[in-house]
Amino acid sequence: MKLLINTSYREKNCYKILNDIKENDDHMVSLAKKEIKRCMGCCECKKQALKNFCVIEDDMLEVYTNMAKFDKIVFACPIYMNFINGTTKNIIERLNTFYMHPEVIKNKSIYLIIIGEMSEEENKETVEMITKYFESLTEFMEFNFKFLGYLSSGIIEEIDDIEKNNANYQEIIERIKNKI
């Protein structure tokens, strides 16, 4: 059983990949229409983690609750401005509660799929920077991290279809499933 998190503002390419790897017992959360406020840096999560996780009342409670429940968590993140989008960064900052209480996420497996417009070669440096960022989080949050791959969705104004832009899309999906 896996938790699949679409961090895109749209329910398109990231959503499609997660939906295509989803199995019967998996749970998917799409953040496209969720209200996730930014971390206030108040550190109240030191006291709140095992109760409500955070004092901010928004849709992040659903994410926290599901992350605590599942041992395998898969993020599908789009690249915006050569880095993860704001929603993904915001989610990571709101995971401060798990830094304060690492026992909630310790030894869980977090997987990452990155989606961008450009080719894999053109986005190589960006993908490396993002994976290093996630790897750095494992040092103090004590979860296991695995990068599952980068896929090009094609240029938004032209193709914007991850399946059409990747001739071997079904093979890629099977490879991702086998890595989890």
N, C-alpha and C. Protein backbone atom coordinates (compact mmCIF):
# COMPACT_ATOMS: atom_id res chain seq x y z
N MET A 1 0.83 -1.19 0.00
CA MET A 1 0.00 0.00 0.00
C MET A 1 0.87 1.25 0.00
N LYS A 2 0.51 2.17 -0.90
CA LYS A 2 1.29 3.38 -1.07
C LYS A 2 0.38 4.61 -0.97
N LEU A 3 0.99 5.70 -0.55
CA LEU A 3 0.36 7.01 -0.63
C LEU A 3 0.97 7.70 -1.83
N LEU A 4 0.13 8.15 -2.76
CA LEU A 4 0.58 8.83 -3.97
C LEU A 4 0.16 10.29 -3.86
N ILE A 5 1.13 11.20 -3.98
CA ILE A 5 0.84 12.63 -3.81
C ILE A 5 1.17 13.39 -5.08
N ASN A 6 0.15 13.94 -5.71
CA ASN A 6 0.31 14.81 -6.87
C ASN A 6 0.51 16.23 -6.35
N THR A 7 1.70 16.78 -6.55
CA THR A 7 1.98 18.12 -6.04
C THR A 7 1.78 19.21 -7.10
N SER A 8 1.29 18.82 -8.27
CA SER A 8 1.08 19.79 -9.34
C SER A 8 -0.18 20.62 -9.07
N TYR A 9 -0.19 21.83 -9.61
CA TYR A 9 -1.37 22.68 -9.53
C TYR A 9 -2.47 22.19 -10.47
N ARG A 10 -2.08 21.27 -11.37
CA ARG A 10 -3.02 20.74 -12.34
C ARG A 10 -3.19 19.24 -12.10
N GLU A 11 -4.28 18.71 -12.58
CA GLU A 11 -4.45 17.26 -12.56
C GLU A 11 -4.24 16.77 -13.98
N LYS A 12 -2.97 16.76 -14.38
CA LYS A 12 -2.63 16.40 -15.75
C LYS A 12 -1.51 15.36 -15.74
N ASN A 13 -0.27 15.73 -16.00
CA ASN A 13 0.81 14.77 -16.20
C ASN A 13 1.26 14.07 -14.91
N CYS A 14 1.51 14.83 -13.85
CA CYS A 14 1.88 14.21 -12.56
C CYS A 14 0.75 13.29 -12.09
N TYR A 15 -0.47 13.79 -12.20
CA TYR A 15 -1.65 13.04 -11.80
C TYR A 15 -1.78 11.75 -12.62
N LYS A 16 -1.55 11.87 -13.93
CA LYS A 16 -1.66 10.71 -14.81
C LYS A 16 -0.65 9.63 -14.43
N ILE A 17 0.58 10.01 -14.20
CA ILE A 17 1.61 9.03 -13.82
C ILE A 17 1.19 8.30 -12.54
N LEU A 18 0.79 9.07 -11.54
CA LEU A 18 0.39 8.44 -10.28
C LEU A 18 -0.83 7.53 -10.47
N ASN A 19 -1.76 7.98 -11.26
CA ASN A 19 -2.95 7.18 -11.52
C ASN A 19 -2.57 5.88 -12.24
N ASP A 20 -1.58 5.95 -13.12
CA ASP A 20 -1.14 4.78 -13.87
C ASP A 20 -0.33 3.79 -13.04
N ILE A 21 0.30 4.25 -11.96
CA ILE A 21 1.03 3.31 -11.09
C ILE A 21 0.19 2.87 -9.89
N LYS A 22 -0.97 3.50 -9.73
CA LYS A 22 -1.85 3.23 -8.60
C LYS A 22 -2.38 1.79 -8.65
N GLU A 23 -2.34 1.14 -7.50
CA GLU A 23 -2.91 -0.19 -7.36
C GLU A 23 -4.11 -0.10 -6.43
N ASN A 24 -4.87 -1.17 -6.32
CA ASN A 24 -6.14 -1.17 -5.57
C ASN A 24 -6.04 -0.62 -4.15
N ASP A 25 -5.02 -1.00 -3.40
CA ASP A 25 -4.92 -0.59 -2.00
C ASP A 25 -4.25 0.76 -1.79
N ASP A 26 -3.81 1.37 -2.86
CA ASP A 26 -3.12 2.66 -2.76
C ASP A 26 -4.12 3.79 -2.55
N HIS A 27 -3.59 4.88 -2.01
CA HIS A 27 -4.41 6.08 -1.78
C HIS A 27 -3.74 7.26 -2.47
N MET A 28 -4.51 8.01 -3.26
CA MET A 28 -3.94 9.16 -3.95
C MET A 28 -4.52 10.45 -3.39
N VAL A 29 -3.63 11.42 -3.20
CA VAL A 29 -4.02 12.77 -2.78
C VAL A 29 -3.50 13.73 -3.85
N SER A 30 -4.40 14.51 -4.40
CA SER A 30 -4.01 15.53 -5.37
C SER A 30 -4.10 16.88 -4.68
N LEU A 31 -3.00 17.60 -4.71
CA LEU A 31 -2.96 18.91 -4.04
C LEU A 31 -3.45 20.04 -4.93
N ALA A 32 -3.90 19.70 -6.14
CA ALA A 32 -4.32 20.72 -7.11
C ALA A 32 -5.39 21.65 -6.57
N LYS A 33 -6.31 21.11 -5.83
CA LYS A 33 -7.42 21.92 -5.34
C LYS A 33 -7.42 22.03 -3.81
N LYS A 34 -6.31 21.73 -3.19
CA LYS A 34 -6.21 21.78 -1.73
C LYS A 34 -5.69 23.15 -1.29
N GLU A 35 -6.08 23.53 -0.11
CA GLU A 35 -5.54 24.75 0.49
C GLU A 35 -4.44 24.34 1.46
N ILE A 36 -3.21 24.64 1.06
CA ILE A 36 -2.05 24.34 1.90
C ILE A 36 -1.34 25.67 2.17
N LYS A 37 -1.47 26.16 3.37
CA LYS A 37 -0.83 27.42 3.72
C LYS A 37 0.65 27.19 3.96
N ARG A 38 1.40 28.26 3.95
CA ARG A 38 2.85 28.12 4.16
C ARG A 38 3.18 28.05 5.64
N CYS A 39 4.31 27.42 5.93
CA CYS A 39 4.78 27.27 7.31
C CYS A 39 5.05 28.66 7.90
N MET A 40 4.63 28.84 9.14
CA MET A 40 4.83 30.12 9.82
C MET A 40 6.14 30.13 10.62
N GLY A 41 6.79 28.98 10.73
CA GLY A 41 8.02 28.91 11.49
C GLY A 41 7.81 29.08 12.98
N CYS A 42 6.62 28.79 13.46
CA CYS A 42 6.29 29.01 14.88
C CYS A 42 6.79 27.88 15.79
N CYS A 43 7.13 26.74 15.20
CA CYS A 43 7.62 25.55 15.92
C CYS A 43 6.61 25.00 16.93
N GLU A 44 5.35 25.34 16.81
CA GLU A 44 4.32 24.74 17.66
C GLU A 44 4.21 23.25 17.40
N CYS A 45 4.71 22.81 16.24
CA CYS A 45 4.65 21.38 15.91
C CYS A 45 5.48 20.54 16.88
N LYS A 46 6.38 21.17 17.62
CA LYS A 46 7.11 20.44 18.65
C LYS A 46 6.14 19.84 19.65
N LYS A 47 5.06 20.57 19.92
CA LYS A 47 4.07 20.12 20.89
C LYS A 47 2.90 19.40 20.22
N GLN A 48 2.60 19.75 18.98
CA GLN A 48 1.38 19.31 18.31
C GLN A 48 1.50 18.03 17.48
N ALA A 49 2.69 17.59 17.15
CA ALA A 49 2.88 16.55 16.12
C ALA A 49 2.05 15.30 16.32
N LEU A 50 1.96 14.82 17.49
CA LEU A 50 1.23 13.58 17.69
C LEU A 50 -0.26 13.79 17.91
N LYS A 51 -0.67 15.06 17.96
CA LYS A 51 -2.09 15.37 18.13
C LYS A 51 -2.68 15.82 16.79
N ASN A 52 -2.39 17.04 16.38
CA ASN A 52 -2.90 17.58 15.12
C ASN A 52 -1.80 17.89 14.12
N PHE A 53 -0.57 17.59 14.47
CA PHE A 53 0.62 17.81 13.65
C PHE A 53 1.02 19.28 13.55
N CYS A 54 0.05 20.19 13.37
CA CYS A 54 0.38 21.59 13.13
C CYS A 54 -0.79 22.46 13.59
N VAL A 55 -0.49 23.68 14.00
CA VAL A 55 -1.56 24.58 14.45
C VAL A 55 -2.31 25.23 13.29
N ILE A 56 -1.73 25.18 12.10
CA ILE A 56 -2.40 25.75 10.93
C ILE A 56 -3.53 24.81 10.53
N GLU A 57 -4.70 25.36 10.41
CA GLU A 57 -5.86 24.55 10.03
C GLU A 57 -6.11 24.69 8.53
N ASP A 58 -5.69 23.67 7.79
CA ASP A 58 -5.90 23.64 6.35
C ASP A 58 -5.87 22.19 5.88
N ASP A 59 -5.76 21.97 4.60
CA ASP A 59 -5.82 20.62 4.04
C ASP A 59 -4.54 19.81 4.27
N MET A 60 -3.53 20.41 4.88
CA MET A 60 -2.30 19.68 5.17
C MET A 60 -2.54 18.56 6.18
N LEU A 61 -3.56 18.69 7.01
CA LEU A 61 -3.87 17.65 7.99
C LEU A 61 -4.12 16.30 7.29
N GLU A 62 -4.78 16.33 6.14
CA GLU A 62 -5.01 15.11 5.37
C GLU A 62 -3.68 14.49 4.92
N VAL A 63 -2.74 15.33 4.49
CA VAL A 63 -1.43 14.85 4.05
C VAL A 63 -0.69 14.24 5.23
N TYR A 64 -0.64 14.94 6.36
CA TYR A 64 0.02 14.42 7.57
C TYR A 64 -0.55 13.07 7.97
N THR A 65 -1.87 13.01 8.06
CA THR A 65 -2.54 11.79 8.50
C THR A 65 -2.20 10.62 7.60
N ASN A 66 -2.23 10.86 6.29
CA ASN A 66 -1.90 9.78 5.35
C ASN A 66 -0.43 9.42 5.37
N MET A 67 0.45 10.41 5.52
CA MET A 67 1.88 10.10 5.59
C MET A 67 2.18 9.25 6.83
N ALA A 68 1.49 9.49 7.92
CA ALA A 68 1.70 8.70 9.13
C ALA A 68 1.19 7.27 8.94
N LYS A 69 0.20 7.10 8.08
CA LYS A 69 -0.47 5.82 7.90
C LYS A 69 0.26 4.88 6.92
N PHE A 70 0.88 5.43 5.87
CA PHE A 70 1.49 4.62 4.81
C PHE A 70 3.00 4.56 4.97
N ASP A 71 3.58 3.41 4.62
CA ASP A 71 5.03 3.23 4.70
C ASP A 71 5.75 3.63 3.42
N LYS A 72 5.02 3.65 2.30
CA LYS A 72 5.58 4.05 1.02
C LYS A 72 4.83 5.28 0.52
N ILE A 73 5.59 6.35 0.26
CA ILE A 73 4.99 7.62 -0.14
C ILE A 73 5.66 8.05 -1.45
N VAL A 74 4.85 8.25 -2.48
CA VAL A 74 5.36 8.63 -3.79
C VAL A 74 4.90 10.04 -4.12
N PHE A 75 5.86 10.92 -4.36
CA PHE A 75 5.58 12.28 -4.79
C PHE A 75 5.80 12.38 -6.30
N ALA A 76 4.87 12.99 -7.01
CA ALA A 76 5.07 13.35 -8.41
C ALA A 76 5.09 14.87 -8.44
N CYS A 77 6.24 15.42 -8.84
CA CYS A 77 6.46 16.87 -8.75
C CYS A 77 6.83 17.47 -10.10
N PRO A 78 6.19 18.57 -10.47
CA PRO A 78 6.59 19.26 -11.70
C PRO A 78 7.76 20.21 -11.43
N ILE A 79 8.49 20.49 -12.47
CA ILE A 79 9.55 21.50 -12.40
C ILE A 79 8.97 22.83 -12.84
N TYR A 80 9.14 23.84 -11.99
CA TYR A 80 8.77 25.22 -12.33
C TYR A 80 10.01 26.07 -12.06
N MET A 81 10.39 26.87 -12.99
CA MET A 81 11.52 27.79 -12.82
C MET A 81 12.78 27.05 -12.33
N ASN A 82 13.06 25.91 -12.92
CA ASN A 82 14.26 25.10 -12.63
C ASN A 82 14.34 24.57 -11.21
N PHE A 83 13.19 24.32 -10.58
CA PHE A 83 13.17 23.68 -9.27
C PHE A 83 11.78 23.10 -9.05
N ILE A 84 11.57 22.46 -7.93
CA ILE A 84 10.23 21.94 -7.62
C ILE A 84 9.26 23.11 -7.52
N ASN A 85 8.00 22.84 -7.78
CA ASN A 85 7.02 23.93 -7.72
C ASN A 85 6.79 24.37 -6.27
N GLY A 86 6.12 25.48 -6.11
CA GLY A 86 5.89 26.07 -4.79
C GLY A 86 5.11 25.16 -3.85
N THR A 87 4.14 24.42 -4.40
CA THR A 87 3.36 23.51 -3.55
C THR A 87 4.26 22.45 -2.93
N THR A 88 5.15 21.88 -3.72
CA THR A 88 6.06 20.84 -3.21
C THR A 88 6.96 21.43 -2.13
N LYS A 89 7.52 22.59 -2.40
CA LYS A 89 8.40 23.24 -1.42
C LYS A 89 7.62 23.56 -0.15
N ASN A 90 6.40 24.01 -0.30
CA ASN A 90 5.55 24.33 0.84
C ASN A 90 5.27 23.07 1.67
N ILE A 91 4.96 21.98 1.00
CA ILE A 91 4.71 20.71 1.69
C ILE A 91 5.95 20.30 2.49
N ILE A 92 7.10 20.40 1.86
CA ILE A 92 8.35 20.02 2.55
C ILE A 92 8.56 20.88 3.79
N GLU A 93 8.35 22.18 3.67
CA GLU A 93 8.50 23.04 4.84
C GLU A 93 7.51 22.69 5.94
N ARG A 94 6.30 22.30 5.55
CA ARG A 94 5.29 21.92 6.53
C ARG A 94 5.59 20.56 7.15
N LEU A 95 6.54 19.82 6.59
CA LEU A 95 6.95 18.54 7.19
C LEU A 95 7.88 18.75 8.38
N ASN A 96 8.08 19.99 8.76
CA ASN A 96 8.88 20.30 9.95
C ASN A 96 8.38 19.52 11.16
N THR A 97 7.09 19.25 11.20
CA THR A 97 6.52 18.47 12.30
C THR A 97 7.17 17.09 12.41
N PHE A 98 7.55 16.50 11.26
CA PHE A 98 8.20 15.19 11.28
C PHE A 98 9.68 15.31 11.65
N TYR A 99 10.26 16.50 11.45
CA TYR A 99 11.61 16.74 11.94
C TYR A 99 11.58 16.81 13.47
N MET A 100 10.54 17.47 14.00
CA MET A 100 10.39 17.59 15.44
C MET A 100 10.03 16.24 16.08
N HIS A 101 9.37 15.39 15.33
CA HIS A 101 8.95 14.07 15.81
C HIS A 101 9.26 13.02 14.74
N PRO A 102 10.56 12.70 14.57
CA PRO A 102 10.96 11.81 13.47
C PRO A 102 10.38 10.40 13.56
N GLU A 103 9.92 10.00 14.71
CA GLU A 103 9.38 8.65 14.85
C GLU A 103 8.15 8.43 13.96
N VAL A 104 7.49 9.50 13.55
CA VAL A 104 6.29 9.37 12.71
C VAL A 104 6.67 8.94 11.29
N ILE A 105 7.81 9.41 10.80
CA ILE A 105 8.20 9.14 9.42
C ILE A 105 9.47 8.29 9.30
N LYS A 106 10.12 8.05 10.42
CA LYS A 106 11.38 7.31 10.43
C LYS A 106 11.24 5.96 9.72
N ASN A 107 12.20 5.69 8.85
CA ASN A 107 12.30 4.43 8.09
C ASN A 107 11.21 4.23 7.04
N LYS A 108 10.37 5.22 6.82
CA LYS A 108 9.42 5.12 5.72
C LYS A 108 10.18 5.36 4.42
N SER A 109 9.63 4.90 3.32
CA SER A 109 10.27 5.08 2.02
C SER A 109 9.54 6.18 1.25
N ILE A 110 10.33 7.18 0.84
CA ILE A 110 9.78 8.28 0.06
C ILE A 110 10.39 8.20 -1.34
N TYR A 111 9.50 8.19 -2.32
CA TYR A 111 9.90 8.07 -3.71
C TYR A 111 9.56 9.37 -4.43
N LEU A 112 10.35 9.68 -5.46
CA LEU A 112 10.15 10.93 -6.19
C LEU A 112 10.15 10.69 -7.69
N ILE A 113 9.12 11.23 -8.35
CA ILE A 113 9.05 11.27 -9.80
C ILE A 113 9.01 12.75 -10.17
N ILE A 114 9.86 13.17 -11.10
CA ILE A 114 9.91 14.57 -11.51
C ILE A 114 9.44 14.67 -12.96
N ILE A 115 8.64 15.69 -13.24
CA ILE A 115 8.11 15.90 -14.58
C ILE A 115 8.43 17.33 -15.01
N GLY A 116 8.92 17.47 -16.23
CA GLY A 116 9.24 18.80 -16.75
C GLY A 116 9.03 18.88 -18.25
N GLU A 117 9.08 20.08 -18.77
CA GLU A 117 8.88 20.30 -20.21
C GLU A 117 10.05 19.80 -21.06
N MET A 118 11.25 20.07 -20.59
CA MET A 118 12.43 19.80 -21.41
C MET A 118 12.80 18.32 -21.39
N SER A 119 13.74 17.96 -22.23
CA SER A 119 14.21 16.58 -22.30
C SER A 119 14.98 16.23 -21.04
N GLU A 120 15.20 14.94 -20.85
CA GLU A 120 15.96 14.49 -19.68
C GLU A 120 17.36 15.10 -19.67
N GLU A 121 17.99 15.16 -20.82
CA GLU A 121 19.34 15.72 -20.93
C GLU A 121 19.33 17.22 -20.60
N GLU A 122 18.35 17.95 -21.11
CA GLU A 122 18.26 19.39 -20.87
C GLU A 122 17.99 19.71 -19.40
N ASN A 123 17.32 18.82 -18.70
CA ASN A 123 16.99 19.06 -17.29
C ASN A 123 17.89 18.29 -16.32
N LYS A 124 18.97 17.75 -16.81
CA LYS A 124 19.85 16.91 -15.98
C LYS A 124 20.32 17.62 -14.71
N GLU A 125 20.82 18.84 -14.82
CA GLU A 125 21.33 19.57 -13.65
C GLU A 125 20.21 19.89 -12.66
N THR A 126 19.06 20.27 -13.17
CA THR A 126 17.91 20.59 -12.31
C THR A 126 17.47 19.35 -11.55
N VAL A 127 17.38 18.22 -12.25
CA VAL A 127 16.97 16.96 -11.62
C VAL A 127 17.98 16.55 -10.54
N GLU A 128 19.26 16.70 -10.83
CA GLU A 128 20.29 16.38 -9.83
C GLU A 128 20.16 17.27 -8.60
N MET A 129 19.90 18.55 -8.81
CA MET A 129 19.75 19.49 -7.69
C MET A 129 18.53 19.11 -6.83
N ILE A 130 17.43 18.75 -7.47
CA ILE A 130 16.22 18.37 -6.74
C ILE A 130 16.43 17.08 -5.97
N THR A 131 17.07 16.09 -6.59
CA THR A 131 17.29 14.82 -5.89
C THR A 131 18.25 15.01 -4.71
N LYS A 132 19.25 15.86 -4.88
CA LYS A 132 20.17 16.15 -3.77
C LYS A 132 19.43 16.84 -2.63
N TYR A 133 18.49 17.69 -2.97
CA TYR A 133 17.68 18.37 -1.96
C TYR A 133 16.89 17.34 -1.15
N PHE A 134 16.23 16.42 -1.83
CA PHE A 134 15.47 15.37 -1.13
C PHE A 134 16.41 14.48 -0.31
N GLU A 135 17.57 14.15 -0.87
CA GLU A 135 18.54 13.34 -0.12
C GLU A 135 18.98 14.05 1.15
N SER A 136 19.15 15.37 1.08
CA SER A 136 19.58 16.12 2.27
C SER A 136 18.51 16.06 3.36
N LEU A 137 17.24 15.97 2.98
CA LEU A 137 16.17 15.88 3.97
C LEU A 137 16.24 14.57 4.74
N THR A 138 16.73 13.52 4.10
CA THR A 138 16.80 12.21 4.76
C THR A 138 17.78 12.21 5.92
N GLU A 139 18.75 13.09 5.88
CA GLU A 139 19.77 13.13 6.92
C GLU A 139 19.20 13.45 8.29
N PHE A 140 18.20 14.31 8.36
CA PHE A 140 17.65 14.65 9.66
C PHE A 140 16.22 14.15 9.87
N MET A 141 15.56 13.72 8.79
CA MET A 141 14.20 13.21 8.95
C MET A 141 14.16 11.68 8.97
N GLU A 142 15.26 11.07 8.66
CA GLU A 142 15.47 9.62 8.78
C GLU A 142 14.48 8.76 8.00
N PHE A 143 14.12 9.19 6.79
CA PHE A 143 13.33 8.32 5.92
C PHE A 143 14.26 7.83 4.81
N ASN A 144 13.83 6.80 4.10
CA ASN A 144 14.58 6.26 2.98
C ASN A 144 14.09 6.96 1.71
N PHE A 145 15.02 7.39 0.87
CA PHE A 145 14.66 8.12 -0.34
C PHE A 145 15.11 7.37 -1.58
N LYS A 146 14.24 7.36 -2.59
CA LYS A 146 14.58 6.74 -3.87
C LYS A 146 14.02 7.60 -4.99
N PHE A 147 14.90 8.01 -5.90
CA PHE A 147 14.48 8.76 -7.07
C PHE A 147 14.02 7.76 -8.13
N LEU A 148 12.78 7.91 -8.60
CA LEU A 148 12.21 6.96 -9.56
C LEU A 148 12.40 7.38 -11.01
N GLY A 149 12.67 8.65 -11.26
CA GLY A 149 12.92 9.06 -12.63
C GLY A 149 12.33 10.40 -12.99
N TYR A 150 12.79 10.86 -14.15
CA TYR A 150 12.33 12.12 -14.74
C TYR A 150 11.65 11.80 -16.06
N LEU A 151 10.53 12.44 -16.30
CA LEU A 151 9.83 12.30 -17.57
C LEU A 151 9.53 13.67 -18.13
N SER A 152 9.64 13.80 -19.45
CA SER A 152 9.29 15.04 -20.11
C SER A 152 7.83 15.00 -20.54
N SER A 153 7.11 16.07 -20.21
CA SER A 153 5.72 16.19 -20.62
C SER A 153 5.59 16.87 -21.97
N GLY A 154 6.69 17.39 -22.46
CA GLY A 154 6.64 18.19 -23.68
C GLY A 154 6.31 19.62 -23.33
N ILE A 155 6.49 20.47 -24.29
CA ILE A 155 6.24 21.90 -24.08
C ILE A 155 4.74 22.13 -23.89
N ILE A 156 4.39 22.82 -22.82
CA ILE A 156 2.99 23.00 -22.44
C ILE A 156 2.15 23.59 -23.58
N GLU A 157 2.67 24.55 -24.30
CA GLU A 157 1.89 25.18 -25.37
C GLU A 157 1.75 24.27 -26.60
N GLU A 158 2.52 23.17 -26.64
CA GLU A 158 2.47 22.30 -27.82
C GLU A 158 1.89 20.92 -27.47
N ILE A 159 2.69 20.04 -26.91
CA ILE A 159 2.25 18.66 -26.66
C ILE A 159 1.54 18.56 -25.32
N ASP A 160 2.25 18.79 -24.24
CA ASP A 160 1.72 18.73 -22.87
C ASP A 160 0.97 17.43 -22.60
N ASP A 161 1.56 16.34 -23.04
CA ASP A 161 0.96 15.02 -22.81
C ASP A 161 2.09 14.03 -22.57
N ILE A 162 2.22 13.62 -21.33
CA ILE A 162 3.35 12.78 -20.94
C ILE A 162 3.38 11.45 -21.68
N GLU A 163 2.22 10.91 -21.97
CA GLU A 163 2.17 9.62 -22.66
C GLU A 163 2.57 9.78 -24.13
N LYS A 164 2.07 10.81 -24.79
CA LYS A 164 2.41 11.05 -26.20
C LYS A 164 3.87 11.46 -26.35
N ASN A 165 4.41 12.15 -25.37
CA ASN A 165 5.78 12.65 -25.46
C ASN A 165 6.83 11.58 -25.13
N ASN A 166 6.40 10.46 -24.59
CA ASN A 166 7.32 9.37 -24.23
C ASN A 166 6.83 8.10 -24.93
N ALA A 167 7.48 7.75 -26.05
CA ALA A 167 7.05 6.61 -26.86
C ALA A 167 7.01 5.31 -26.05
N ASN A 168 7.88 5.18 -25.07
CA ASN A 168 7.94 3.97 -24.23
C ASN A 168 7.27 4.19 -22.87
N TYR A 169 6.22 4.97 -22.85
CA TYR A 169 5.55 5.35 -21.60
C TYR A 169 5.14 4.14 -20.77
N GLN A 170 4.52 3.15 -21.37
CA GLN A 170 4.07 1.98 -20.61
C GLN A 170 5.24 1.23 -19.98
N GLU A 171 6.36 1.15 -20.69
CA GLU A 171 7.57 0.53 -20.12
C GLU A 171 8.08 1.33 -18.92
N ILE A 172 8.04 2.65 -19.04
CA ILE A 172 8.48 3.52 -17.94
C ILE A 172 7.60 3.30 -16.72
N ILE A 173 6.29 3.22 -16.92
CA ILE A 173 5.36 2.98 -15.82
C ILE A 173 5.65 1.65 -15.15
N GLU A 174 5.89 0.62 -15.92
CA GLU A 174 6.21 -0.71 -15.35
C GLU A 174 7.53 -0.66 -14.58
N ARG A 175 8.51 0.06 -15.12
CA ARG A 175 9.80 0.20 -14.43
C ARG A 175 9.63 0.92 -13.10
N ILE A 176 8.82 1.96 -13.09
CA ILE A 176 8.56 2.69 -11.85
C ILE A 176 7.87 1.78 -10.83
N LYS A 177 6.86 1.07 -11.27
CA LYS A 177 6.14 0.14 -10.38
C LYS A 177 7.10 -0.87 -9.76
N ASN A 178 8.03 -1.38 -10.55
CA ASN A 178 8.97 -2.39 -10.06
C ASN A 178 10.00 -1.83 -9.08
N LYS A 179 10.23 -0.53 -9.12
CA LYS A 179 11.20 0.10 -8.21
C LYS A 179 10.61 0.40 -6.83
N ILE A 180 9.27 0.39 -6.76
CA ILE A 180 8.63 0.75 -5.49
C ILE A 180 8.43 -0.50 -4.65
